[in-house]
Amino acid sequence: MPAELPDVIAALESVAAICDGQIVGWGLLDRAAWRLEAMFVDPDYQRRGIAREMYGSLEATLKHGGHGLLSVSSTLNAAPFYQRMGFVERERSKYHHPSGFVLDCIHMDKQIV
């Protein structure tokens, strides 16, 4: 884990979902950049509305600060979720991870009013 990770996380809005006494999902939002940095739900807890609730909580923090264009870089399998949340595809690209794997991404935006 990079040494600066705790500082990065501390600078972001975050939300966690707890079920059965354990963290089963989490999300990170960079309010300054209007960027949804990450959202994950444990596969054993997916399809229960957890991601929708976490996203709603993060979006609500933006609505208190005005309006703007929220962006996210989605994996292909998560794109339908973000589309249901109101995001629109802007472009596709490939993310080249430092370890060598390549991941297809969809950059999406949503107008927050």
PDB file of N, CA and C in Angstrom:
ATOM      1  N   MET A   1       0.852  -1.168   0.000  1.00  0.00           N
ATOM      2  CA  MET A   1       0.000   0.000   0.000  1.00  0.00           C
ATOM      3  C   MET A   1       0.906   1.242   0.000  1.00  0.00           C
ATOM      4  N   PRO A   2       0.649   2.208  -0.893  1.00  0.00           N
ATOM      5  CA  PRO A   2       1.476   3.420  -0.910  1.00  0.00           C
ATOM      6  C   PRO A   2       1.395   4.171   0.412  1.00  0.00           C
ATOM      7  N   ALA A   3       2.501   4.730   0.838  1.00  0.00           N
ATOM      8  CA  ALA A   3       2.556   5.435   2.122  1.00  0.00           C
ATOM      9  C   ALA A   3       1.600   6.615   2.167  1.00  0.00           C
ATOM     10  N   GLU A   4       1.335   7.254   1.015  1.00  0.00           N
ATOM     11  CA  GLU A   4       0.474   8.437   0.996  1.00  0.00           C
ATOM     12  C   GLU A   4      -1.014   8.103   0.947  1.00  0.00           C
ATOM     13  N   LEU A   5      -1.391   6.830   0.850  1.00  0.00           N
ATOM     14  CA  LEU A   5      -2.798   6.450   0.739  1.00  0.00           C
ATOM     15  C   LEU A   5      -3.665   6.993   1.873  1.00  0.00           C
ATOM     16  N   PRO A   6      -3.259   6.909   3.128  1.00  0.00           N
ATOM     17  CA  PRO A   6      -4.115   7.471   4.195  1.00  0.00           C
ATOM     18  C   PRO A   6      -4.399   8.961   4.007  1.00  0.00           C
ATOM     19  N   ASP A   7      -3.405   9.733   3.531  1.00  0.00           N
ATOM     20  CA  ASP A   7      -3.619  11.161   3.294  1.00  0.00           C
ATOM     21  C   ASP A   7      -4.583  11.387   2.141  1.00  0.00           C
ATOM     22  N   VAL A   8      -4.480  10.581   1.088  1.00  0.00           N
ATOM     23  CA  VAL A   8      -5.380  10.696  -0.054  1.00  0.00           C
ATOM     24  C   VAL A   8      -6.810  10.411   0.391  1.00  0.00           C
ATOM     25  N   ILE A   9      -6.997   9.339   1.137  1.00  0.00           N
ATOM     26  CA  ILE A   9      -8.340   8.975   1.608  1.00  0.00           C
ATOM     27  C   ILE A   9      -8.902  10.044   2.541  1.00  0.00           C
ATOM     28  N   ALA A  10      -8.068  10.589   3.402  1.00  0.00           N
ATOM     29  CA  ALA A  10      -8.525  11.616   4.348  1.00  0.00           C
ATOM     30  C   ALA A  10      -8.991  12.882   3.629  1.00  0.00           C
ATOM     31  N   ALA A  11      -8.470  13.145   2.439  1.00  0.00           N
ATOM     32  CA  ALA A  11      -8.834  14.351   1.694  1.00  0.00           C
ATOM     33  C   ALA A  11     -10.135  14.184   0.908  1.00  0.00           C
ATOM     34  N   LEU A  12     -10.694  12.990   0.877  1.00  0.00           N
ATOM     35  CA  LEU A  12     -11.882  12.708   0.080  1.00  0.00           C
ATOM     36  C   LEU A  12     -13.101  12.487   0.964  1.00  0.00           C
ATOM     37  N   GLU A  13     -14.279  12.716   0.380  1.00  0.00           N
ATOM     38  CA  GLU A  13     -15.529  12.317   1.035  1.00  0.00           C
ATOM     39  C   GLU A  13     -15.595  10.793   0.918  1.00  0.00           C
ATOM     40  N   SER A  14     -16.019  10.139   1.953  1.00  0.00           N
ATOM     41  CA  SER A  14     -16.107   8.680   1.881  1.00  0.00           C
ATOM     42  C   SER A  14     -17.392   8.185   2.518  1.00  0.00           C
ATOM     43  N   VAL A  15     -17.780   7.001   2.102  1.00  0.00           N
ATOM     44  CA  VAL A  15     -18.957   6.347   2.649  1.00  0.00           C
ATOM     45  C   VAL A  15     -18.659   4.855   2.696  1.00  0.00           C
ATOM     46  N   ALA A  16     -19.175   4.201   3.717  1.00  0.00           N
ATOM     47  CA  ALA A  16     -19.001   2.753   3.841  1.00  0.00           C
ATOM     48  C   ALA A  16     -20.349   2.120   4.147  1.00  0.00           C
ATOM     49  N   ALA A  17     -20.526   0.916   3.650  1.00  0.00           N
ATOM     50  CA  ALA A  17     -21.733   0.141   3.934  1.00  0.00           C
ATOM     51  C   ALA A  17     -21.342  -1.011   4.850  1.00  0.00           C
ATOM     52  N   ILE A  18     -22.078  -1.153   5.941  1.00  0.00           N
ATOM     53  CA  ILE A  18     -21.790  -2.214   6.908  1.00  0.00           C
ATOM     54  C   ILE A  18     -22.999  -3.121   7.014  1.00  0.00           C
ATOM     55  N   CYS A  19     -22.790  -4.393   6.787  1.00  0.00           N
ATOM     56  CA  CYS A  19     -23.827  -5.416   6.929  1.00  0.00           C
ATOM     57  C   CYS A  19     -23.234  -6.584   7.689  1.00  0.00           C
ATOM     58  N   ASP A  20     -24.032  -7.178   8.529  1.00  0.00           N
ATOM     59  CA  ASP A  20     -23.578  -8.337   9.292  1.00  0.00           C
ATOM     60  C   ASP A  20     -22.273  -8.054  10.044  1.00  0.00           C
ATOM     61  N   GLY A  21     -22.110  -6.793  10.489  1.00  0.00           N
ATOM     62  CA  GLY A  21     -20.943  -6.426  11.282  1.00  0.00           C
ATOM     63  C   GLY A  21     -19.655  -6.257  10.506  1.00  0.00           C
ATOM     64  N   GLN A  22     -19.730  -6.232   9.182  1.00  0.00           N
ATOM     65  CA  GLN A  22     -18.505  -6.056   8.405  1.00  0.00           C
ATOM     66  C   GLN A  22     -18.719  -5.036   7.290  1.00  0.00           C
ATOM     67  N   ILE A  23     -17.632  -4.412   6.853  1.00  0.00           N
ATOM     68  CA  ILE A  23     -17.706  -3.473   5.744  1.00  0.00           C
ATOM     69  C   ILE A  23     -17.887  -4.275   4.465  1.00  0.00           C
ATOM     70  N   VAL A  24     -18.974  -3.980   3.748  1.00  0.00           N
ATOM     71  CA  VAL A  24     -19.276  -4.714   2.513  1.00  0.00           C
ATOM     72  C   VAL A  24     -19.236  -3.808   1.285  1.00  0.00           C
ATOM     73  N   GLY A  25     -19.036  -2.519   1.498  1.00  0.00           N
ATOM     74  CA  GLY A  25     -18.931  -1.591   0.379  1.00  0.00           C
ATOM     75  C   GLY A  25     -18.345  -0.278   0.837  1.00  0.00           C
ATOM     76  N   TRP A  26     -17.754   0.449  -0.121  1.00  0.00           N
ATOM     77  CA  TRP A  26     -17.230   1.767   0.196  1.00  0.00           C
ATOM     78  C   TRP A  26     -17.132   2.587  -1.075  1.00  0.00           C
ATOM     79  N   GLY A  27     -17.156   3.903  -0.899  1.00  0.00           N
ATOM     80  CA  GLY A  27     -17.044   4.817  -2.025  1.00  0.00           C
ATOM     81  C   GLY A  27     -16.254   6.045  -1.632  1.00  0.00           C
ATOM     82  N   LEU A  28     -15.568   6.636  -2.619  1.00  0.00           N
ATOM     83  CA  LEU A  28     -14.759   7.826  -2.400  1.00  0.00           C
ATOM     84  C   LEU A  28     -15.098   8.883  -3.436  1.00  0.00           C
ATOM     85  N   LEU A  29     -15.232  10.118  -2.987  1.00  0.00           N
ATOM     86  CA  LEU A  29     -15.594  11.235  -3.845  1.00  0.00           C
ATOM     87  C   LEU A  29     -14.618  12.379  -3.612  1.00  0.00           C
ATOM     88  N   ASP A  30     -14.064  12.905  -4.696  1.00  0.00           N
ATOM     89  CA  ASP A  30     -13.215  14.095  -4.623  1.00  0.00           C
ATOM     90  C   ASP A  30     -14.107  15.293  -4.915  1.00  0.00           C
ATOM     91  N   ARG A  31     -14.562  15.971  -3.856  1.00  0.00           N
ATOM     92  CA  ARG A  31     -15.488  17.100  -4.032  1.00  0.00           C
ATOM     93  C   ARG A  31     -14.844  18.243  -4.784  1.00  0.00           C
ATOM     94  N   ALA A  32     -13.575  18.498  -4.546  1.00  0.00           N
ATOM     95  CA  ALA A  32     -12.897  19.617  -5.196  1.00  0.00           C
ATOM     96  C   ALA A  32     -12.824  19.422  -6.711  1.00  0.00           C
ATOM     97  N   ALA A  33     -12.622  18.196  -7.145  1.00  0.00           N
ATOM     98  CA  ALA A  33     -12.506  17.898  -8.580  1.00  0.00           C
ATOM     99  C   ALA A  33     -13.824  17.442  -9.193  1.00  0.00           C
ATOM    100  N   TRP A  34     -14.869  17.308  -8.383  1.00  0.00           N
ATOM    101  CA  TRP A  34     -16.166  16.786  -8.833  1.00  0.00           C
ATOM    102  C   TRP A  34     -15.947  15.454  -9.550  1.00  0.00           C
ATOM    103  N   ARG A  35     -15.294  14.532  -8.839  1.00  0.00           N
ATOM    104  CA  ARG A  35     -14.964  13.241  -9.429  1.00  0.00           C
ATOM    105  C   ARG A  35     -15.262  12.125  -8.434  1.00  0.00           C
ATOM    106  N   LEU A  36     -16.041  11.146  -8.891  1.00  0.00           N
ATOM    107  CA  LEU A  36     -16.275   9.940  -8.103  1.00  0.00           C
ATOM    108  C   LEU A  36     -15.061   9.055  -8.316  1.00  0.00           C
ATOM    109  N   GLU A  37     -14.268   8.872  -7.281  1.00  0.00           N
ATOM    110  CA  GLU A  37     -12.999   8.165  -7.414  1.00  0.00           C
ATOM    111  C   GLU A  37     -13.147   6.648  -7.390  1.00  0.00           C
ATOM    112  N   ALA A  38     -14.047   6.139  -6.561  1.00  0.00           N
ATOM    113  CA  ALA A  38     -14.174   4.686  -6.457  1.00  0.00           C
ATOM    114  C   ALA A  38     -15.464   4.321  -5.756  1.00  0.00           C
ATOM    115  N   MET A  39     -16.040   3.197  -6.164  1.00  0.00           N
ATOM    116  CA  MET A  39     -17.174   2.594  -5.464  1.00  0.00           C
ATOM    117  C   MET A  39     -17.066   1.084  -5.651  1.00  0.00           C
ATOM    118  N   PHE A  40     -17.135   0.384  -4.542  1.00  0.00           N
ATOM    119  CA  PHE A  40     -17.053  -1.069  -4.575  1.00  0.00           C
ATOM    120  C   PHE A  40     -18.047  -1.678  -3.597  1.00  0.00           C
ATOM    121  N   VAL A  41     -18.636  -2.791  -4.001  1.00  0.00           N
ATOM    122  CA  VAL A  41     -19.495  -3.576  -3.115  1.00  0.00           C
ATOM    123  C   VAL A  41     -19.043  -5.024  -3.221  1.00  0.00           C
ATOM    124  N   ASP A  42     -18.874  -5.661  -2.078  1.00  0.00           N
ATOM    125  CA  ASP A  42     -18.503  -7.075  -2.039  1.00  0.00           C
ATOM    126  C   ASP A  42     -19.477  -7.869  -2.911  1.00  0.00           C
ATOM    127  N   PRO A  43     -18.976  -8.720  -3.800  1.00  0.00           N
ATOM    128  CA  PRO A  43     -19.866  -9.489  -4.681  1.00  0.00           C
ATOM    129  C   PRO A  43     -20.957 -10.254  -3.942  1.00  0.00           C
ATOM    130  N   ASP A  44     -20.689 -10.710  -2.723  1.00  0.00           N
ATOM    131  CA  ASP A  44     -21.709 -11.439  -1.956  1.00  0.00           C
ATOM    132  C   ASP A  44     -22.857 -10.535  -1.504  1.00  0.00           C
ATOM    133  N   TYR A  45     -22.680  -9.218  -1.596  1.00  0.00           N
ATOM    134  CA  TYR A  45     -23.704  -8.273  -1.143  1.00  0.00           C
ATOM    135  C   TYR A  45     -24.251  -7.407  -2.272  1.00  0.00           C
ATOM    136  N   GLN A  46     -23.886  -7.717  -3.496  1.00  0.00           N
ATOM    137  CA  GLN A  46     -24.380  -6.938  -4.622  1.00  0.00           C
ATOM    138  C   GLN A  46     -25.848  -7.245  -4.896  1.00  0.00           C
ATOM    139  N   ARG A  47     -26.486  -6.351  -5.633  1.00  0.00           N
ATOM    140  CA  ARG A  47     -27.898  -6.469  -6.032  1.00  0.00           C
ATOM    141  C   ARG A  47     -28.849  -6.324  -4.842  1.00  0.00           C
ATOM    142  N   ARG A  48     -28.427  -5.548  -3.835  1.00  0.00           N
ATOM    143  CA  ARG A  48     -29.273  -5.288  -2.669  1.00  0.00           C
ATOM    144  C   ARG A  48     -29.541  -3.796  -2.480  1.00  0.00           C
ATOM    145  N   GLY A  49     -29.106  -2.974  -3.441  1.00  0.00           N
ATOM    146  CA  GLY A  49     -29.304  -1.533  -3.339  1.00  0.00           C
ATOM    147  C   GLY A  49     -28.220  -0.813  -2.557  1.00  0.00           C
ATOM    148  N   ILE A  50     -27.184  -1.518  -2.167  1.00  0.00           N
ATOM    149  CA  ILE A  50     -26.118  -0.909  -1.359  1.00  0.00           C
ATOM    150  C   ILE A  50     -25.384   0.163  -2.156  1.00  0.00           C
ATOM    151  N   ALA A  51     -25.006  -0.130  -3.376  1.00  0.00           N
ATOM    152  CA  ALA A  51     -24.281   0.853  -4.197  1.00  0.00           C
ATOM    153  C   ALA A  51     -25.149   2.076  -4.455  1.00  0.00           C
ATOM    154  N   ARG A  52     -26.428   1.867  -4.708  1.00  0.00           N
ATOM    155  CA  ARG A  52     -27.343   2.984  -4.957  1.00  0.00           C
ATOM    156  C   ARG A  52     -27.405   3.896  -3.725  1.00  0.00           C
ATOM    157  N   GLU A  53     -27.493   3.319  -2.538  1.00  0.00           N
ATOM    158  CA  GLU A  53     -27.542   4.129  -1.318  1.00  0.00           C
ATOM    159  C   GLU A  53     -26.230   4.865  -1.088  1.00  0.00           C
ATOM    160  N   MET A  54     -25.107   4.184  -1.304  1.00  0.00           N
ATOM    161  CA  MET A  54     -23.815   4.846  -1.123  1.00  0.00           C
ATOM    162  C   MET A  54     -23.660   5.992  -2.118  1.00  0.00           C
ATOM    163  N   TYR A  55     -24.006   5.738  -3.385  1.00  0.00           N
ATOM    164  CA  TYR A  55     -23.904   6.789  -4.385  1.00  0.00           C
ATOM    165  C   TYR A  55     -24.812   7.975  -4.005  1.00  0.00           C
ATOM    166  N   GLY A  56     -26.018   7.699  -3.592  1.00  0.00           N
ATOM    167  CA  GLY A  56     -26.936   8.768  -3.208  1.00  0.00           C
ATOM    168  C   GLY A  56     -26.377   9.624  -2.084  1.00  0.00           C
ATOM    169  N   SER A  57     -25.726   8.989  -1.141  1.00  0.00           N
ATOM    170  CA  SER A  57     -25.125   9.717  -0.024  1.00  0.00           C
ATOM    171  C   SER A  57     -23.993  10.619  -0.508  1.00  0.00           C
ATOM    172  N   LEU A  58     -23.150  10.102  -1.395  1.00  0.00           N
ATOM    173  CA  LEU A  58     -22.048  10.906  -1.917  1.00  0.00           C
ATOM    174  C   LEU A  58     -22.567  12.058  -2.782  1.00  0.00           C
ATOM    175  N   GLU A  59     -23.557  11.794  -3.621  1.00  0.00           N
ATOM    176  CA  GLU A  59     -24.110  12.849  -4.473  1.00  0.00           C
ATOM    177  C   GLU A  59     -24.736  13.956  -3.627  1.00  0.00           C
ATOM    178  N   ALA A  60     -25.367  13.588  -2.537  1.00  0.00           N
ATOM    179  CA  ALA A  60     -26.005  14.585  -1.668  1.00  0.00           C
ATOM    180  C   ALA A  60     -24.981  15.575  -1.123  1.00  0.00           C
ATOM    181  N   THR A  61     -23.753  15.138  -0.877  1.00  0.00           N
ATOM    182  CA  THR A  61     -22.734  16.075  -0.377  1.00  0.00           C
ATOM    183  C   THR A  61     -22.406  17.125  -1.436  1.00  0.00           C
ATOM    184  N   LEU A  62     -22.499  16.747  -2.712  1.00  0.00           N
ATOM    185  CA  LEU A  62     -22.240  17.714  -3.784  1.00  0.00           C
ATOM    186  C   LEU A  62     -23.362  18.729  -3.898  1.00  0.00           C
ATOM    187  N   LYS A  63     -24.584  18.292  -3.719  1.00  0.00           N
ATOM    188  CA  LYS A  63     -25.736  19.193  -3.872  1.00  0.00           C
ATOM    189  C   LYS A  63     -25.701  20.319  -2.844  1.00  0.00           C
ATOM    190  N   HIS A  64     -25.042  20.091  -1.713  1.00  0.00           N
ATOM    191  CA  HIS A  64     -24.921  21.141  -0.701  1.00  0.00           C
ATOM    192  C   HIS A  64     -23.923  22.211  -1.138  1.00  0.00           C
ATOM    193  N   GLY A  65     -23.057  21.854  -2.116  1.00  0.00           N
ATOM    194  CA  GLY A  65     -22.029  22.798  -2.536  1.00  0.00           C
ATOM    195  C   GLY A  65     -22.313  23.464  -3.870  1.00  0.00           C
ATOM    196  N   GLY A  66     -23.504  23.316  -4.393  1.00  0.00           N
ATOM    197  CA  GLY A  66     -23.827  23.957  -5.668  1.00  0.00           C
ATOM    198  C   GLY A  66     -24.154  22.945  -6.744  1.00  0.00           C
ATOM    199  N   HIS A  67     -23.788  23.283  -7.956  1.00  0.00           N
ATOM    200  CA  HIS A  67     -24.070  22.386  -9.062  1.00  0.00           C
ATOM    201  C   HIS A  67     -22.835  22.305  -9.953  1.00  0.00           C
ATOM    202  N   GLY A  68     -22.726  21.226 -10.711  1.00  0.00           N
ATOM    203  CA  GLY A  68     -21.577  21.028 -11.579  1.00  0.00           C
ATOM    204  C   GLY A  68     -21.668  19.698 -12.295  1.00  0.00           C
ATOM    205  N   LEU A  69     -20.594  19.365 -12.963  1.00  0.00           N
ATOM    206  CA  LEU A  69     -20.523  18.137 -13.740  1.00  0.00           C
ATOM    207  C   LEU A  69     -19.683  17.115 -12.973  1.00  0.00           C
ATOM    208  N   LEU A  70     -20.322  16.053 -12.521  1.00  0.00           N
ATOM    209  CA  LEU A  70     -19.652  14.988 -11.795  1.00  0.00           C
ATOM    210  C   LEU A  70     -19.137  13.969 -12.803  1.00  0.00           C
ATOM    211  N   SER A  71     -17.896  13.522 -12.638  1.00  0.00           N
ATOM    212  CA  SER A  71     -17.332  12.549 -13.561  1.00  0.00           C
ATOM    213  C   SER A  71     -16.922  11.273 -12.833  1.00  0.00           C
ATOM    214  N   VAL A  72     -16.867  10.197 -13.604  1.00  0.00           N
ATOM    215  CA  VAL A  72     -16.407   8.904 -13.099  1.00  0.00           C
ATOM    216  C   VAL A  72     -15.778   8.148 -14.263  1.00  0.00           C
ATOM    217  N   SER A  73     -14.744   7.381 -13.970  1.00  0.00           N
ATOM    218  CA  SER A  73     -14.168   6.461 -14.948  1.00  0.00           C
ATOM    219  C   SER A  73     -14.595   5.068 -14.512  1.00  0.00           C
ATOM    220  N   SER A  74     -15.433   4.462 -15.317  1.00  0.00           N
ATOM    221  CA  SER A  74     -16.068   3.196 -14.956  1.00  0.00           C
ATOM    222  C   SER A  74     -15.439   2.012 -15.678  1.00  0.00           C
ATOM    223  N   THR A  75     -15.453   0.880 -15.006  1.00  0.00           N
ATOM    224  CA  THR A  75     -15.144  -0.365 -15.696  1.00  0.00           C
ATOM    225  C   THR A  75     -16.352  -0.721 -16.559  1.00  0.00           C
ATOM    226  N   LEU A  76     -16.161  -1.603 -17.506  1.00  0.00           N
ATOM    227  CA  LEU A  76     -17.261  -1.978 -18.396  1.00  0.00           C
ATOM    228  C   LEU A  76     -18.421  -2.607 -17.629  1.00  0.00           C
ATOM    229  N   ASN A  77     -18.111  -3.437 -16.630  1.00  0.00           N
ATOM    230  CA  ASN A  77     -19.189  -4.115 -15.907  1.00  0.00           C
ATOM    231  C   ASN A  77     -19.959  -3.183 -14.980  1.00  0.00           C
ATOM    232  N   ALA A  78     -19.370  -2.058 -14.560  1.00  0.00           N
ATOM    233  CA  ALA A  78     -20.061  -1.118 -13.676  1.00  0.00           C
ATOM    234  C   ALA A  78     -20.814  -0.034 -14.447  1.00  0.00           C
ATOM    235  N   ALA A  79     -20.542   0.119 -15.736  1.00  0.00           N
ATOM    236  CA  ALA A  79     -21.161   1.186 -16.527  1.00  0.00           C
ATOM    237  C   ALA A  79     -22.690   1.165 -16.485  1.00  0.00           C
ATOM    238  N   PRO A  80     -23.359   0.006 -16.580  1.00  0.00           N
ATOM    239  CA  PRO A  80     -24.825   0.023 -16.501  1.00  0.00           C
ATOM    240  C   PRO A  80     -25.344   0.609 -15.179  1.00  0.00           C
ATOM    241  N   PHE A  81     -24.649   0.349 -14.077  1.00  0.00           N
ATOM    242  CA  PHE A  81     -25.046   0.943 -12.795  1.00  0.00           C
ATOM    243  C   PHE A  81     -24.983   2.463 -12.882  1.00  0.00           C
ATOM    244  N   TYR A  82     -23.864   2.989 -13.356  1.00  0.00           N
ATOM    245  CA  TYR A  82     -23.713   4.441 -13.437  1.00  0.00           C
ATOM    246  C   TYR A  82     -24.728   5.050 -14.400  1.00  0.00           C
ATOM    247  N   GLN A  83     -25.049   4.355 -15.472  1.00  0.00           N
ATOM    248  CA  GLN A  83     -26.084   4.846 -16.387  1.00  0.00           C
ATOM    249  C   GLN A  83     -27.426   4.933 -15.672  1.00  0.00           C
ATOM    250  N   ARG A  84     -27.745   3.945 -14.841  1.00  0.00           N
ATOM    251  CA  ARG A  84     -28.993   3.996 -14.069  1.00  0.00           C
ATOM    252  C   ARG A  84     -28.991   5.154 -13.079  1.00  0.00           C
ATOM    253  N   MET A  85     -27.812   5.574 -12.635  1.00  0.00           N
ATOM    254  CA  MET A  85     -27.688   6.703 -11.720  1.00  0.00           C
ATOM    255  C   MET A  85     -27.734   8.038 -12.461  1.00  0.00           C
ATOM    256  N   GLY A  86     -27.789   7.988 -13.804  1.00  0.00           N
ATOM    257  CA  GLY A  86     -27.913   9.215 -14.585  1.00  0.00           C
ATOM    258  C   GLY A  86     -26.661   9.662 -15.314  1.00  0.00           C
ATOM    259  N   PHE A  87     -25.603   8.887 -15.248  1.00  0.00           N
ATOM    260  CA  PHE A  87     -24.373   9.240 -15.948  1.00  0.00           C
ATOM    261  C   PHE A  87     -24.507   8.940 -17.440  1.00  0.00           C
ATOM    262  N   VAL A  88     -23.795   9.732 -18.241  1.00  0.00           N
ATOM    263  CA  VAL A  88     -23.802   9.590 -19.696  1.00  0.00           C
ATOM    264  C   VAL A  88     -22.370   9.359 -20.162  1.00  0.00           C
ATOM    265  N   GLU A  89     -22.213   8.388 -21.055  1.00  0.00           N
ATOM    266  CA  GLU A  89     -20.877   8.075 -21.569  1.00  0.00           C
ATOM    267  C   GLU A  89     -20.301   9.258 -22.335  1.00  0.00           C
ATOM    268  N   ARG A  90     -19.036   9.580 -22.035  1.00  0.00           N
ATOM    269  CA  ARG A  90     -18.318  10.644 -22.732  1.00  0.00           C
ATOM    270  C   ARG A  90     -17.315  10.053 -23.714  1.00  0.00           C
ATOM    271  N   GLU A  91     -16.512   9.094 -23.252  1.00  0.00           N
ATOM    272  CA  GLU A  91     -15.516   8.468 -24.121  1.00  0.00           C
ATOM    273  C   GLU A  91     -15.026   7.171 -23.496  1.00  0.00           C
ATOM    274  N   ARG A  92     -14.358   6.383 -24.311  1.00  0.00           N
ATOM    275  CA  ARG A  92     -13.761   5.132 -23.843  1.00  0.00           C
ATOM    276  C   ARG A  92     -12.255   5.228 -23.962  1.00  0.00           C
ATOM    277  N   SER A  93     -11.581   4.509 -23.068  1.00  0.00           N
ATOM    278  CA  SER A  93     -10.119   4.494 -23.106  1.00  0.00           C
ATOM    279  C   SER A  93      -9.621   3.205 -22.468  1.00  0.00           C
ATOM    280  N   LYS A  94      -8.335   3.082 -22.420  1.00  0.00           N
ATOM    281  CA  LYS A  94      -7.702   1.942 -21.770  1.00  0.00           C
ATOM    282  C   LYS A  94      -6.823   2.468 -20.640  1.00  0.00           C
ATOM    283  N   TYR A  95      -6.970   1.850 -19.468  1.00  0.00           N
ATOM    284  CA  TYR A  95      -6.143   2.201 -18.321  1.00  0.00           C
ATOM    285  C   TYR A  95      -4.990   1.197 -18.265  1.00  0.00           C
ATOM    286  N   HIS A  96      -3.778   1.715 -18.273  1.00  0.00           N
ATOM    287  CA  HIS A  96      -2.588   0.865 -18.222  1.00  0.00           C
ATOM    288  C   HIS A  96      -2.064   0.865 -16.790  1.00  0.00           C
ATOM    289  N   HIS A  97      -2.332  -0.218 -16.078  1.00  0.00           N
ATOM    290  CA  HIS A  97      -1.901  -0.340 -14.683  1.00  0.00           C
ATOM    291  C   HIS A  97      -0.387  -0.534 -14.635  1.00  0.00           C
ATOM    292  N   PRO A  98       0.273   0.029 -13.608  1.00  0.00           N
ATOM    293  CA  PRO A  98       1.731  -0.126 -13.496  1.00  0.00           C
ATOM    294  C   PRO A  98       2.202  -1.579 -13.462  1.00  0.00           C
ATOM    295  N   SER A  99       1.356  -2.497 -13.019  1.00  0.00           N
ATOM    296  CA  SER A  99       1.770  -3.912 -12.963  1.00  0.00           C
ATOM    297  C   SER A  99       1.703  -4.585 -14.328  1.00  0.00           C
ATOM    298  N   GLY A 100       1.149  -3.880 -15.331  1.00  0.00           N
ATOM    299  CA  GLY A 100       1.167  -4.424 -16.678  1.00  0.00           C
ATOM    300  C   GLY A 100      -0.176  -4.768 -17.295  1.00  0.00           C
ATOM    301  N   PHE A 101      -1.238  -4.885 -16.503  1.00  0.00           N
ATOM    302  CA  PHE A 101      -2.515  -5.231 -17.130  1.00  0.00           C
ATOM    303  C   PHE A 101      -3.189  -3.972 -17.682  1.00  0.00           C
ATOM    304  N   VAL A 102      -4.051  -4.181 -18.649  1.00  0.00           N
ATOM    305  CA  VAL A 102      -4.776  -3.095 -19.299  1.00  0.00           C
ATOM    306  C   VAL A 102      -6.263  -3.301 -19.039  1.00  0.00           C
ATOM    307  N   LEU A 103      -6.955  -2.230 -18.659  1.00  0.00           N
ATOM    308  CA  LEU A 103      -8.370  -2.300 -18.313  1.00  0.00           C
ATOM    309  C   LEU A 103      -9.153  -1.321 -19.179  1.00  0.00           C
ATOM    310  N   ASP A 104     -10.188  -1.810 -19.871  1.00  0.00           N
ATOM    311  CA  ASP A 104     -11.058  -0.929 -20.642  1.00  0.00           C
ATOM    312  C   ASP A 104     -11.877  -0.078 -19.684  1.00  0.00           C
ATOM    313  N   CYS A 105     -11.985   1.221 -19.981  1.00  0.00           N
ATOM    314  CA  CYS A 105     -12.719   2.163 -19.130  1.00  0.00           C
ATOM    315  C   CYS A 105     -13.703   2.987 -19.952  1.00  0.00           C
ATOM    316  N   ILE A 106     -14.756   3.405 -19.301  1.00  0.00           N
ATOM    317  CA  ILE A 106     -15.725   4.323 -19.895  1.00  0.00           C
ATOM    318  C   ILE A 106     -15.762   5.560 -18.999  1.00  0.00           C
ATOM    319  N   HIS A 107     -15.427   6.711 -19.572  1.00  0.00           N
ATOM    320  CA  HIS A 107     -15.485   7.965 -18.838  1.00  0.00           C
ATOM    321  C   HIS A 107     -16.902   8.508 -18.992  1.00  0.00           C
ATOM    322  N   MET A 108     -17.516   8.810 -17.862  1.00  0.00           N
ATOM    323  CA  MET A 108     -18.920   9.219 -17.843  1.00  0.00           C
ATOM    324  C   MET A 108     -19.075  10.501 -17.026  1.00  0.00           C
ATOM    325  N   ASP A 109     -20.140  11.240 -17.328  1.00  0.00           N
ATOM    326  CA  ASP A 109     -20.437  12.484 -16.621  1.00  0.00           C
ATOM    327  C   ASP A 109     -21.914  12.523 -16.245  1.00  0.00           C
ATOM    328  N   LYS A 110     -22.202  13.311 -15.196  1.00  0.00           N
ATOM    329  CA  LYS A 110     -23.582  13.550 -14.780  1.00  0.00           C
ATOM    330  C   LYS A 110     -23.694  14.982 -14.290  1.00  0.00           C
ATOM    331  N   GLN A 111     -24.673  15.703 -14.810  1.00  0.00           N
ATOM    332  CA  GLN A 111     -24.916  17.066 -14.347  1.00  0.00           C
ATOM    333  C   GLN A 111     -25.643  17.008 -13.009  1.00  0.00           C
ATOM    334  N   ILE A 112     -25.066  17.632 -11.997  1.00  0.00           N
ATOM    335  CA  ILE A 112     -25.669  17.685 -10.663  1.00  0.00           C
ATOM    336  C   ILE A 112     -26.268  19.075 -10.484  1.00  0.00           C
ATOM    337  N   VAL A 113     -27.570  19.105 -10.195  1.00  0.00           N
ATOM    338  CA  VAL A 113     -28.249  20.396 -10.010  1.00  0.00           C
ATOM    339  C   VAL A 113     -28.900  20.453  -8.654  1.00  0.00           C
TER     340      VAL A 113
END
